[in-house]
């Protein structure tokens, strides 16, 4: 085999690897924030809940995320995040298992 053919096979293999790996690494990495009365927020969240959803929207492991368990007075801001590792888990399980992290900032009363 000539050196030119080996270089060609290497470049084709590298191109295929990049083409396959890049979408996998970028899949499912997102953050969603819901704001409500955010005048008095702390820098750090008050509660962190792990939520795992399944392929069908009606099925979740552990049921829906209960924000009242972290903030009995209600939430001022809710942040839902799916990291790169969570997105990769979602991708490799073909969408059957999708973990997310829910961070909650509780309401504060202005005095």
Protein backbone atom coordinates (compact mmCIF):
# COMPACT_ATOMS: atom_id res chain seq x y z
CA UNK A 1 0.00 0.00 0.00
CA UNK A 2 1.36 3.38 -0.87
CA UNK A 3 1.86 6.19 1.59
CA UNK A 4 -0.62 8.36 -0.33
CA UNK A 5 -3.38 5.78 0.16
CA UNK A 6 -2.65 5.57 3.91
CA UNK A 7 -2.84 9.35 4.22
CA UNK A 8 -6.15 9.32 2.35
CA UNK A 9 -7.60 6.60 4.63
CA UNK A 10 -6.40 8.48 7.70
CA UNK A 11 -8.00 11.74 6.56
CA UNK A 12 -11.27 9.97 5.67
CA UNK A 13 -11.31 8.24 9.05
CA UNK A 14 -10.59 11.50 10.89
CA UNK A 15 -13.34 13.29 8.96
CA UNK A 16 -15.85 10.55 9.81
CA UNK A 17 -14.80 10.63 13.46
CA UNK A 18 -15.26 14.41 13.68
CA UNK A 19 -18.55 14.25 11.79
CA UNK A 20 -19.88 11.60 14.20
CA UNK A 21 -18.39 12.94 17.45
CA UNK A 22 -19.30 16.61 17.12
CA UNK A 23 -23.10 16.14 17.01
CA UNK A 24 -22.91 13.67 19.89
CA UNK A 25 -20.99 16.13 22.07
CA UNK A 26 -23.31 19.00 21.22
CA UNK A 27 -26.50 17.01 21.68
CA UNK A 28 -28.76 17.99 24.52
CA UNK A 29 -26.72 20.61 26.32
CA UNK A 30 -29.15 23.32 27.41
CA UNK A 31 -30.34 25.54 30.26
CA UNK A 32 -33.89 26.89 30.66
CA UNK A 33 -34.80 29.55 33.24
CA UNK A 34 -38.25 30.55 34.46
CA UNK A 35 -38.48 33.86 36.32
CA UNK A 36 -41.20 35.08 38.63
CA UNK A 37 -40.74 38.01 41.00
CA UNK A 38 -36.94 37.90 40.98
CA UNK A 39 -36.24 41.15 42.83
CA UNK A 40 -34.58 39.48 45.82
CA UNK A 41 -32.49 36.50 44.67
CA UNK A 42 -29.52 34.89 46.32
CA UNK A 43 -26.46 34.08 44.25
CA UNK A 44 -26.66 30.38 45.15
CA UNK A 45 -29.77 28.28 44.59
CA UNK A 46 -31.87 27.13 47.57
CA UNK A 47 -32.61 23.64 46.30
CA UNK A 48 -31.39 21.20 43.66
CA UNK A 49 -33.57 18.37 42.39
CA UNK A 50 -32.59 15.65 39.92
CA UNK A 51 -35.31 14.77 37.43
CA UNK A 52 -35.18 11.86 35.04
CA UNK A 53 -37.66 11.71 32.19
CA UNK A 54 -38.33 8.84 29.88
CA UNK A 55 -39.11 8.58 26.16
CA UNK A 56 -42.83 9.15 26.57
CA UNK A 57 -43.83 12.49 28.17
CA UNK A 58 -46.26 10.89 30.60
CA UNK A 59 -43.60 8.72 32.25
CA UNK A 60 -40.96 10.05 34.60
CA UNK A 61 -38.85 8.19 37.11
CA UNK A 62 -39.92 9.46 40.52
CA UNK A 63 -42.85 11.42 39.11
CA UNK A 64 -42.87 15.12 38.23
CA UNK A 65 -40.37 17.37 39.94
CA UNK A 66 -41.89 18.68 43.16
CA UNK A 67 -40.64 22.25 43.55
CA UNK A 68 -42.64 22.72 46.74
CA UNK A 69 -40.35 20.20 48.45
CA UNK A 70 -37.44 22.59 48.03
CA UNK A 71 -39.39 25.87 48.39
CA UNK A 72 -42.60 25.64 50.44
CA UNK A 73 -43.29 29.38 49.90
CA UNK A 74 -42.97 29.05 46.11
CA UNK A 75 -40.22 29.56 43.61
CA UNK A 76 -38.88 32.85 42.39
CA UNK A 77 -36.68 31.32 39.69
CA UNK A 78 -36.41 27.78 38.31
CA UNK A 79 -33.47 26.64 36.19
CA UNK A 80 -33.59 23.35 34.28
CA UNK A 81 -30.23 22.16 32.98
CA UNK A 82 -29.11 19.22 30.91
CA UNK A 83 -25.32 18.95 30.85
CA UNK A 84 -23.21 17.44 28.09
CA UNK A 85 -22.93 14.17 30.02
CA UNK A 86 -26.71 14.10 30.49
CA UNK A 87 -27.18 14.77 26.78
CA UNK A 88 -24.76 11.99 25.91
CA UNK A 89 -26.66 9.62 28.23
CA UNK A 90 -29.89 10.64 26.51
CA UNK A 91 -28.32 10.08 23.08
CA UNK A 92 -26.76 6.69 23.90
CA UNK A 93 -29.99 5.39 25.45
CA UNK A 94 -31.86 6.43 22.28
CA UNK A 95 -34.01 8.86 24.28
CA UNK A 96 -35.30 6.31 26.77
CA UNK A 97 -33.40 7.86 29.72
CA UNK A 98 -32.94 11.62 30.00
CA UNK A 99 -31.57 13.05 33.27
CA UNK A 100 -31.86 16.76 34.10
CA UNK A 101 -30.97 18.99 37.04
CA UNK A 102 -33.56 21.42 38.38
CA UNK A 103 -32.28 24.31 40.52
CA UNK A 104 -34.75 26.39 42.51
CA UNK A 105 -34.47 29.84 44.09
CA UNK A 106 -37.17 30.40 46.73
CA UNK A 107 -39.35 33.51 47.03
CA UNK A 108 -38.15 36.14 49.47
CA UNK A 109 -40.31 38.76 51.06
CA UNK A 110 -39.03 42.32 50.96
CA UNK A 111 -39.06 43.86 54.41
